[in-house]
Full PDB file with SEQRES, HELIX, SHEET, SSBOND, CRYST1, ORIGX, SCALE, CONECT and MASTER records, all heavy atoms in Angstrom:
SEQRES   1 A   39  ALA LEU GLY THR GLU THR ARG GLY PRO TRP PRO GLU PRO          
SEQRES   2 A   39  ALA ALA ALA ALA ALA ALA ALA ALA ALA ALA ALA THR GLY          
SEQRES   3 A   39  ALA GLY VAL PHE PRO ALA LYS VAL LEU GLY LEU ARG VAL          
HELIX    1 AA1 PRO A   13  ALA A   27  1                                  15    
HELIX    2 AA2 VAL A   29  ARG A   38  1                                  10    
CRYST1    1.000    1.000    1.000  90.00  90.00  90.00 P 1           1          
ORIGX1      1.000000  0.000000  0.000000        0.00000                         
ORIGX2      0.000000  1.000000  0.000000        0.00000                         
ORIGX3      0.000000  0.000000  1.000000        0.00000                         
SCALE1      1.000000  0.000000  0.000000        0.00000                         
SCALE2      0.000000  1.000000  0.000000        0.00000                         
SCALE3      0.000000  0.000000  1.000000        0.00000                         
ATOM      1  N   ALA A   1     -61.040  14.152  16.799  1.00  0.00           N  
ATOM      2  CA  ALA A   1     -62.372  14.233  16.341  1.00  0.00           C  
ATOM      3  C   ALA A   1     -63.348  13.309  17.099  1.00  0.00           C  
ATOM      4  O   ALA A   1     -64.517  13.663  17.311  1.00  0.00           O  
ATOM      5  CB  ALA A   1     -62.473  13.868  14.779  1.00  0.00           C  
ATOM      6  N   LEU A   2     -62.744  12.228  17.595  1.00  0.00           N  
ATOM      7  CA  LEU A   2     -63.538  11.422  18.507  1.00  0.00           C  
ATOM      8  C   LEU A   2     -63.547  11.751  19.925  1.00  0.00           C  
ATOM      9  O   LEU A   2     -64.184  11.282  20.762  1.00  0.00           O  
ATOM     10  CB  LEU A   2     -62.899   9.966  18.484  1.00  0.00           C  
ATOM     11  CG  LEU A   2     -63.096   9.178  17.103  1.00  0.00           C  
ATOM     12  CD1 LEU A   2     -62.218   7.920  17.082  1.00  0.00           C  
ATOM     13  CD2 LEU A   2     -64.635   8.814  16.891  1.00  0.00           C  
ATOM     14  N   GLY A   3     -62.786  12.845  20.313  1.00  0.00           N  
ATOM     15  CA  GLY A   3     -62.740  13.321  21.666  1.00  0.00           C  
ATOM     16  C   GLY A   3     -61.828  12.499  22.510  1.00  0.00           C  
ATOM     17  O   GLY A   3     -62.070  12.442  23.713  1.00  0.00           O  
ATOM     18  N   THR A   4     -60.814  11.841  21.995  1.00  0.00           N  
ATOM     19  CA  THR A   4     -59.960  10.920  22.655  1.00  0.00           C  
ATOM     20  C   THR A   4     -58.597  11.458  22.843  1.00  0.00           C  
ATOM     21  O   THR A   4     -57.984  12.032  21.870  1.00  0.00           O  
ATOM     22  CB  THR A   4     -59.873   9.607  21.957  1.00  0.00           C  
ATOM     23  OG1 THR A   4     -61.204   9.099  21.778  1.00  0.00           O  
ATOM     24  CG2 THR A   4     -59.042   8.532  22.781  1.00  0.00           C  
ATOM     25  N   GLU A   5     -57.984  11.406  24.086  1.00  0.00           N  
ATOM     26  CA  GLU A   5     -56.624  11.881  24.257  1.00  0.00           C  
ATOM     27  C   GLU A   5     -55.615  10.919  23.580  1.00  0.00           C  
ATOM     28  O   GLU A   5     -55.887   9.652  23.387  1.00  0.00           O  
ATOM     29  CB  GLU A   5     -56.303  11.906  25.792  1.00  0.00           C  
ATOM     30  CG  GLU A   5     -57.053  12.885  26.546  1.00  0.00           C  
ATOM     31  CD  GLU A   5     -56.700  12.942  28.086  1.00  0.00           C  
ATOM     32  OE1 GLU A   5     -55.735  12.154  28.452  1.00  0.00           O  
ATOM     33  OE2 GLU A   5     -57.252  13.744  28.787  1.00  0.00           O  
ATOM     34  N   THR A   6     -54.492  11.429  23.179  1.00  0.00           N  
ATOM     35  CA  THR A   6     -53.578  10.728  22.370  1.00  0.00           C  
ATOM     36  C   THR A   6     -52.236  10.324  23.008  1.00  0.00           C  
ATOM     37  O   THR A   6     -51.298   9.807  22.364  1.00  0.00           O  
ATOM     38  CB  THR A   6     -53.227  11.406  21.017  1.00  0.00           C  
ATOM     39  OG1 THR A   6     -52.670  12.631  21.396  1.00  0.00           O  
ATOM     40  CG2 THR A   6     -54.505  11.691  20.265  1.00  0.00           C  
ATOM     41  N   ARG A   7     -52.110  10.636  24.330  1.00  0.00           N  
ATOM     42  CA  ARG A   7     -50.782  10.450  24.977  1.00  0.00           C  
ATOM     43  C   ARG A   7     -50.511   8.879  24.966  1.00  0.00           C  
ATOM     44  O   ARG A   7     -51.280   8.134  25.498  1.00  0.00           O  
ATOM     45  CB  ARG A   7     -50.885  10.948  26.365  1.00  0.00           C  
ATOM     46  CG  ARG A   7     -49.492  10.853  27.163  1.00  0.00           C  
ATOM     47  CD  ARG A   7     -49.612  11.486  28.501  1.00  0.00           C  
ATOM     48  NE  ARG A   7     -48.416  11.336  29.220  1.00  0.00           N  
ATOM     49  CZ  ARG A   7     -47.384  12.096  29.090  1.00  0.00           C  
ATOM     50  NH1 ARG A   7     -47.391  13.128  28.177  1.00  0.00           N  
ATOM     51  NH2 ARG A   7     -46.266  11.919  29.735  1.00  0.00           N  
ATOM     52  N   GLY A   8     -49.316   8.587  24.514  1.00  0.00           N  
ATOM     53  CA  GLY A   8     -48.943   7.158  24.421  1.00  0.00           C  
ATOM     54  C   GLY A   8     -48.093   6.700  25.580  1.00  0.00           C  
ATOM     55  O   GLY A   8     -47.713   7.511  26.399  1.00  0.00           O  
ATOM     56  N   PRO A   9     -47.814   5.395  25.717  1.00  0.00           N  
ATOM     57  CA  PRO A   9     -47.101   4.838  26.851  1.00  0.00           C  
ATOM     58  C   PRO A   9     -45.546   4.797  26.693  1.00  0.00           C  
ATOM     59  O   PRO A   9     -44.847   4.375  27.545  1.00  0.00           O  
ATOM     60  CB  PRO A   9     -47.597   3.444  26.889  1.00  0.00           C  
ATOM     61  CG  PRO A   9     -47.866   3.078  25.423  1.00  0.00           C  
ATOM     62  CD  PRO A   9     -48.325   4.421  24.820  1.00  0.00           C  
ATOM     63  N   TRP A  10     -45.039   5.235  25.469  1.00  0.00           N  
ATOM     64  CA  TRP A  10     -43.619   5.117  25.309  1.00  0.00           C  
ATOM     65  C   TRP A  10     -42.779   6.435  25.769  1.00  0.00           C  
ATOM     66  O   TRP A  10     -43.439   7.547  25.788  1.00  0.00           O  
ATOM     67  CB  TRP A  10     -43.283   4.899  23.813  1.00  0.00           C  
ATOM     68  CG  TRP A  10     -43.620   3.520  23.479  1.00  0.00           C  
ATOM     69  CD1 TRP A  10     -42.979   2.400  23.662  1.00  0.00           C  
ATOM     70  CD2 TRP A  10     -44.773   3.099  22.694  1.00  0.00           C  
ATOM     71  NE1 TRP A  10     -43.603   1.282  23.177  1.00  0.00           N  
ATOM     72  CE2 TRP A  10     -44.754   1.719  22.571  1.00  0.00           C  
ATOM     73  CE3 TRP A  10     -45.945   3.767  22.217  1.00  0.00           C  
ATOM     74  CZ2 TRP A  10     -45.688   0.976  22.014  1.00  0.00           C  
ATOM     75  CZ3 TRP A  10     -46.846   2.996  21.461  1.00  0.00           C  
ATOM     76  CH2 TRP A  10     -46.709   1.633  21.422  1.00  0.00           C  
ATOM     77  N   PRO A  11     -41.540   6.297  25.922  1.00  0.00           N  
ATOM     78  CA  PRO A  11     -40.681   7.446  26.283  1.00  0.00           C  
ATOM     79  C   PRO A  11     -40.645   8.455  25.154  1.00  0.00           C  
ATOM     80  O   PRO A  11     -41.174   8.191  23.947  1.00  0.00           O  
ATOM     81  CB  PRO A  11     -39.338   6.909  26.535  1.00  0.00           C  
ATOM     82  CG  PRO A  11     -39.567   5.433  26.793  1.00  0.00           C  
ATOM     83  CD  PRO A  11     -40.742   5.063  25.964  1.00  0.00           C  
ATOM     84  N   GLU A  12     -40.160   9.629  25.436  1.00  0.00           N  
ATOM     85  CA  GLU A  12     -40.023  10.686  24.361  1.00  0.00           C  
ATOM     86  C   GLU A  12     -39.176  10.130  23.218  1.00  0.00           C  
ATOM     87  O   GLU A  12     -38.213   9.481  23.475  1.00  0.00           O  
ATOM     88  CB  GLU A  12     -39.345  11.947  24.902  1.00  0.00           C  
ATOM     89  CG  GLU A  12     -40.119  12.785  25.815  1.00  0.00           C  
ATOM     90  CD  GLU A  12     -41.378  13.288  25.177  1.00  0.00           C  
ATOM     91  OE1 GLU A  12     -41.282  13.758  23.946  1.00  0.00           O  
ATOM     92  OE2 GLU A  12     -42.527  13.287  25.761  1.00  0.00           O  
ATOM     93  N   PRO A  13     -39.650  10.269  21.935  1.00  0.00           N  
ATOM     94  CA  PRO A  13     -39.039   9.683  20.770  1.00  0.00           C  
ATOM     95  C   PRO A  13     -37.439   9.995  20.677  1.00  0.00           C  
ATOM     96  O   PRO A  13     -36.709   9.196  20.366  1.00  0.00           O  
ATOM     97  CB  PRO A  13     -39.882  10.232  19.630  1.00  0.00           C  
ATOM     98  CG  PRO A  13     -41.201  10.479  20.205  1.00  0.00           C  
ATOM     99  CD  PRO A  13     -40.876  10.917  21.556  1.00  0.00           C  
ATOM    100  N   ALA A  14     -37.068  11.281  20.940  1.00  0.00           N  
ATOM    101  CA  ALA A  14     -35.767  11.703  20.765  1.00  0.00           C  
ATOM    102  C   ALA A  14     -34.822  10.930  21.795  1.00  0.00           C  
ATOM    103  O   ALA A  14     -33.786  10.431  21.385  1.00  0.00           O  
ATOM    104  CB  ALA A  14     -35.642  13.145  20.945  1.00  0.00           C  
ATOM    105  N   ALA A  15     -35.328  10.678  22.993  1.00  0.00           N  
ATOM    106  CA  ALA A  15     -34.627  10.113  23.979  1.00  0.00           C  
ATOM    107  C   ALA A  15     -34.449   8.572  23.613  1.00  0.00           C  
ATOM    108  O   ALA A  15     -33.325   7.965  23.783  1.00  0.00           O  
ATOM    109  CB  ALA A  15     -35.281  10.154  25.344  1.00  0.00           C  
ATOM    110  N   ALA A  16     -35.548   7.928  23.073  1.00  0.00           N  
ATOM    111  CA  ALA A  16     -35.508   6.565  22.659  1.00  0.00           C  
ATOM    112  C   ALA A  16     -34.560   6.345  21.596  1.00  0.00           C  
ATOM    113  O   ALA A  16     -33.756   5.354  21.535  1.00  0.00           O  
ATOM    114  CB  ALA A  16     -36.887   6.033  22.293  1.00  0.00           C  
ATOM    115  N   ALA A  17     -34.539   7.230  20.542  1.00  0.00           N  
ATOM    116  CA  ALA A  17     -33.633   7.202  19.406  1.00  0.00           C  
ATOM    117  C   ALA A  17     -32.233   7.305  19.750  1.00  0.00           C  
ATOM    118  O   ALA A  17     -31.336   6.534  19.315  1.00  0.00           O  
ATOM    119  CB  ALA A  17     -34.057   8.218  18.377  1.00  0.00           C  
ATOM    120  N   ALA A  18     -31.959   8.191  20.765  1.00  0.00           N  
ATOM    121  CA  ALA A  18     -30.623   8.391  21.266  1.00  0.00           C  
ATOM    122  C   ALA A  18     -30.092   7.103  22.008  1.00  0.00           C  
ATOM    123  O   ALA A  18     -28.907   6.692  21.789  1.00  0.00           O  
ATOM    124  CB  ALA A  18     -30.540   9.623  22.248  1.00  0.00           C  
ATOM    125  N   ALA A  19     -31.000   6.521  22.732  1.00  0.00           N  
ATOM    126  CA  ALA A  19     -30.560   5.267  23.375  1.00  0.00           C  
ATOM    127  C   ALA A  19     -30.278   4.144  22.365  1.00  0.00           C  
ATOM    128  O   ALA A  19     -29.318   3.435  22.461  1.00  0.00           O  
ATOM    129  CB  ALA A  19     -31.683   4.829  24.344  1.00  0.00           C  
ATOM    130  N   ALA A  20     -31.146   3.984  21.331  1.00  0.00           N  
ATOM    131  CA  ALA A  20     -30.932   3.039  20.308  1.00  0.00           C  
ATOM    132  C   ALA A  20     -29.705   3.261  19.528  1.00  0.00           C  
ATOM    133  O   ALA A  20     -28.900   2.375  19.233  1.00  0.00           O  
ATOM    134  CB  ALA A  20     -32.162   3.200  19.321  1.00  0.00           C  
ATOM    135  N   ALA A  21     -29.314   4.614  19.215  1.00  0.00           N  
ATOM    136  CA  ALA A  21     -28.147   4.848  18.484  1.00  0.00           C  
ATOM    137  C   ALA A  21     -26.915   4.543  19.271  1.00  0.00           C  
ATOM    138  O   ALA A  21     -25.971   3.996  18.778  1.00  0.00           O  
ATOM    139  CB  ALA A  21     -28.136   6.329  18.158  1.00  0.00           C  
ATOM    140  N   ALA A  22     -26.997   4.882  20.617  1.00  0.00           N  
ATOM    141  CA  ALA A  22     -25.782   4.622  21.450  1.00  0.00           C  
ATOM    142  C   ALA A  22     -25.599   3.062  21.570  1.00  0.00           C  
ATOM    143  O   ALA A  22     -24.425   2.627  21.464  1.00  0.00           O  
ATOM    144  CB  ALA A  22     -26.014   5.240  22.828  1.00  0.00           C  
ATOM    145  N   ALA A  23     -26.611   2.298  21.734  1.00  0.00           N  
ATOM    146  CA  ALA A  23     -26.536   0.915  21.921  1.00  0.00           C  
ATOM    147  C   ALA A  23     -25.997   0.193  20.649  1.00  0.00           C  
ATOM    148  O   ALA A  23     -25.067  -0.572  20.696  1.00  0.00           O  
ATOM    149  CB  ALA A  23     -27.893   0.340  22.213  1.00  0.00           C  
ATOM    150  N   ALA A  24     -26.463   0.731  19.470  1.00  0.00           N  
ATOM    151  CA  ALA A  24     -26.057   0.047  18.176  1.00  0.00           C  
ATOM    152  C   ALA A  24     -24.691   0.468  17.782  1.00  0.00           C  
ATOM    153  O   ALA A  24     -23.898  -0.378  17.355  1.00  0.00           O  
ATOM    154  CB  ALA A  24     -26.996   0.414  17.031  1.00  0.00           C  
ATOM    155  N   THR A  25     -24.362   1.744  18.000  1.00  0.00           N  
ATOM    156  CA  THR A  25     -22.982   2.190  17.603  1.00  0.00           C  
ATOM    157  C   THR A  25     -21.951   1.576  18.394  1.00  0.00           C  
ATOM    158  O   THR A  25     -20.860   1.189  17.983  1.00  0.00           O  
ATOM    159  CB  THR A  25     -22.897   3.737  17.780  1.00  0.00           C  
ATOM    160  OG1 THR A  25     -23.966   4.312  16.998  1.00  0.00           O  
ATOM    161  CG2 THR A  25     -21.589   4.238  17.402  1.00  0.00           C  
ATOM    162  N   GLY A  26     -22.226   1.319  19.706  1.00  0.00           N  
ATOM    163  CA  GLY A  26     -21.255   0.769  20.608  1.00  0.00           C  
ATOM    164  C   GLY A  26     -21.018  -0.726  20.483  1.00  0.00           C  
ATOM    165  O   GLY A  26     -20.125  -1.297  20.871  1.00  0.00           O  
ATOM    166  N   ALA A  27     -21.981  -1.456  19.858  1.00  0.00           N  
ATOM    167  CA  ALA A  27     -22.077  -2.818  19.760  1.00  0.00           C  
ATOM    168  C   ALA A  27     -21.416  -3.404  18.503  1.00  0.00           C  
ATOM    169  O   ALA A  27     -21.115  -4.516  18.398  1.00  0.00           O  
ATOM    170  CB  ALA A  27     -23.481  -3.385  19.867  1.00  0.00           C  
ATOM    171  N   GLY A  28     -21.232  -2.563  17.463  1.00  0.00           N  
ATOM    172  CA  GLY A  28     -20.614  -3.095  16.235  1.00  0.00           C  
ATOM    173  C   GLY A  28     -21.587  -3.089  15.008  1.00  0.00           C  
ATOM    174  O   GLY A  28     -22.698  -2.693  15.132  1.00  0.00           O  
ATOM    175  N   VAL A  29     -20.977  -3.445  13.838  1.00  0.00           N  
ATOM    176  CA  VAL A  29     -21.717  -3.397  12.593  1.00  0.00           C  
ATOM    177  C   VAL A  29     -22.918  -4.350  12.671  1.00  0.00           C  
ATOM    178  O   VAL A  29     -24.051  -3.966  12.240  1.00  0.00           O  
ATOM    179  CB  VAL A  29     -20.821  -3.784  11.440  1.00  0.00           C  
ATOM    180  CG1 VAL A  29     -21.585  -3.869  10.146  1.00  0.00           C  
ATOM    181  CG2 VAL A  29     -19.731  -2.600  11.212  1.00  0.00           C  
ATOM    182  N   PHE A  30     -22.675  -5.686  12.947  1.00  0.00           N  
ATOM    183  CA  PHE A  30     -23.859  -6.660  13.007  1.00  0.00           C  
ATOM    184  C   PHE A  30     -25.011  -6.148  13.796  1.00  0.00           C  
ATOM    185  O   PHE A  30     -26.183  -6.240  13.353  1.00  0.00           O  
ATOM    186  CB  PHE A  30     -23.291  -8.005  13.281  1.00  0.00           C  
ATOM    187  CG  PHE A  30     -24.394  -9.072  13.197  1.00  0.00           C  
ATOM    188  CD1 PHE A  30     -24.748  -9.645  11.944  1.00  0.00           C  
ATOM    189  CD2 PHE A  30     -25.052  -9.491  14.334  1.00  0.00           C  
ATOM    190  CE1 PHE A  30     -25.729 -10.515  11.855  1.00  0.00           C  
ATOM    191  CE2 PHE A  30     -25.924 -10.553  14.240  1.00  0.00           C  
ATOM    192  CZ  PHE A  30     -26.404 -10.972  12.969  1.00  0.00           C  
ATOM    193  N   PRO A  31     -24.847  -5.857  15.106  1.00  0.00           N  
ATOM    194  CA  PRO A  31     -25.993  -5.427  15.862  1.00  0.00           C  
ATOM    195  C   PRO A  31     -26.596  -4.152  15.247  1.00  0.00           C  
ATOM    196  O   PRO A  31     -27.878  -4.062  15.330  1.00  0.00           O  
ATOM    197  CB  PRO A  31     -25.333  -5.038  17.224  1.00  0.00           C  
ATOM    198  CG  PRO A  31     -24.173  -5.902  17.296  1.00  0.00           C  
ATOM    199  CD  PRO A  31     -23.581  -5.957  15.924  1.00  0.00           C  
ATOM    200  N   ALA A  32     -25.838  -3.269  14.627  1.00  0.00           N  
ATOM    201  CA  ALA A  32     -26.421  -2.034  13.966  1.00  0.00           C  
ATOM    202  C   ALA A  32     -27.353  -2.526  12.841  1.00  0.00           C  
ATOM    203  O   ALA A  32     -28.445  -1.942  12.686  1.00  0.00           O  
ATOM    204  CB  ALA A  32     -25.357  -1.106  13.477  1.00  0.00           C  
ATOM    205  N   LYS A  33     -26.877  -3.468  12.053  1.00  0.00           N  
ATOM    206  CA  LYS A  33     -27.709  -4.099  11.001  1.00  0.00           C  
ATOM    207  C   LYS A  33     -29.002  -4.660  11.567  1.00  0.00           C  
ATOM    208  O   LYS A  33     -30.035  -4.604  10.956  1.00  0.00           O  
ATOM    209  CB  LYS A  33     -26.891  -5.002  10.159  1.00  0.00           C  
ATOM    210  CG  LYS A  33     -25.838  -4.356   9.369  1.00  0.00           C  
ATOM    211  CD  LYS A  33     -25.145  -5.363   8.393  1.00  0.00           C  
ATOM    212  CE  LYS A  33     -24.100  -4.853   7.484  1.00  0.00           C  
ATOM    213  NZ  LYS A  33     -23.467  -5.761   6.591  1.00  0.00           N  
ATOM    214  N   VAL A  34     -28.850  -5.484  12.655  1.00  0.00           N  
ATOM    215  CA  VAL A  34     -30.005  -6.142  13.169  1.00  0.00           C  
ATOM    216  C   VAL A  34     -30.991  -5.075  13.795  1.00  0.00           C  
ATOM    217  O   VAL A  34     -32.229  -5.227  13.614  1.00  0.00           O  
ATOM    218  CB  VAL A  34     -29.617  -7.109  14.356  1.00  0.00           C  
ATOM    219  CG1 VAL A  34     -30.742  -7.609  15.049  1.00  0.00           C  
ATOM    220  CG2 VAL A  34     -28.759  -8.261  13.699  1.00  0.00           C  
ATOM    221  N   LEU A  35     -30.459  -3.981  14.355  1.00  0.00           N  
ATOM    222  CA  LEU A  35     -31.291  -3.000  14.939  1.00  0.00           C  
ATOM    223  C   LEU A  35     -32.151  -2.380  13.720  1.00  0.00           C  
ATOM    224  O   LEU A  35     -33.322  -2.166  13.803  1.00  0.00           O  
ATOM    225  CB  LEU A  35     -30.474  -1.888  15.505  1.00  0.00           C  
ATOM    226  CG  LEU A  35     -31.293  -0.583  15.882  1.00  0.00           C  
ATOM    227  CD1 LEU A  35     -32.271  -0.890  16.976  1.00  0.00           C  
ATOM    228  CD2 LEU A  35     -30.369   0.580  16.190  1.00  0.00           C  
ATOM    229  N   GLY A  36     -31.436  -2.076  12.562  1.00  0.00           N  
ATOM    230  CA  GLY A  36     -32.179  -1.555  11.432  1.00  0.00           C  
ATOM    231  C   GLY A  36     -33.249  -2.563  10.958  1.00  0.00           C  
ATOM    232  O   GLY A  36     -34.417  -2.009  10.578  1.00  0.00           O  
ATOM    233  N   LEU A  37     -32.982  -3.776  10.890  1.00  0.00           N  
ATOM    234  CA  LEU A  37     -33.900  -4.716  10.486  1.00  0.00           C  
ATOM    235  C   LEU A  37     -35.168  -4.836  11.370  1.00  0.00           C  
ATOM    236  O   LEU A  37     -36.225  -4.822  10.933  1.00  0.00           O  
ATOM    237  CB  LEU A  37     -33.358  -6.150  10.395  1.00  0.00           C  
ATOM    238  CG  LEU A  37     -34.241  -7.351   9.969  1.00  0.00           C  
ATOM    239  CD1 LEU A  37     -34.555  -7.063   8.447  1.00  0.00           C  
ATOM    240  CD2 LEU A  37     -33.495  -8.651  10.172  1.00  0.00           C  
ATOM    241  N   ARG A  38     -34.868  -4.664  12.711  1.00  0.00           N  
ATOM    242  CA  ARG A  38     -35.952  -4.666  13.754  1.00  0.00           C  
ATOM    243  C   ARG A  38     -36.781  -3.387  13.483  1.00  0.00           C  
ATOM    244  O   ARG A  38     -37.998  -3.495  13.628  1.00  0.00           O  
ATOM    245  CB  ARG A  38     -35.327  -4.748  15.132  1.00  0.00           C  
ATOM    246  CG  ARG A  38     -36.303  -4.696  16.219  1.00  0.00           C  
ATOM    247  CD  ARG A  38     -37.006  -6.000  16.320  1.00  0.00           C  
ATOM    248  NE  ARG A  38     -37.819  -6.078  17.543  1.00  0.00           N  
ATOM    249  CZ  ARG A  38     -39.099  -6.556  17.588  1.00  0.00           C  
ATOM    250  NH1 ARG A  38     -39.630  -7.119  16.493  1.00  0.00           N  
ATOM    251  NH2 ARG A  38     -39.675  -6.627  18.734  1.00  0.00           N  
ATOM    252  N   VAL A  39     -36.095  -2.272  13.432  1.00  0.00           N  
ATOM    253  CA  VAL A  39     -36.914  -1.071  13.199  1.00  0.00           C  
ATOM    254  C   VAL A  39     -37.737  -1.066  12.003  1.00  0.00           C  
ATOM    255  O   VAL A  39     -38.977  -0.712  12.035  1.00  0.00           O  
ATOM    256  CB  VAL A  39     -36.019   0.156  13.179  1.00  0.00           C  
ATOM    257  CG1 VAL A  39     -36.782   1.443  12.835  1.00  0.00           C  
ATOM    258  CG2 VAL A  39     -35.368   0.414  14.637  1.00  0.00           C  
TER     259      VAL A  39                                                      
MASTER        0    0    0    2    0    0    0    6  258    1    0    3          
END                                                                             
């Protein structure tokens, strides 16, 4: 409505989520919990 483009600076959400899932799953339970807290 303001006539402003909305393209953001982050990677595609699905790719980012996949990277986060792979990192947390491979690192163990505690890092997965820390990731959840961070998110």
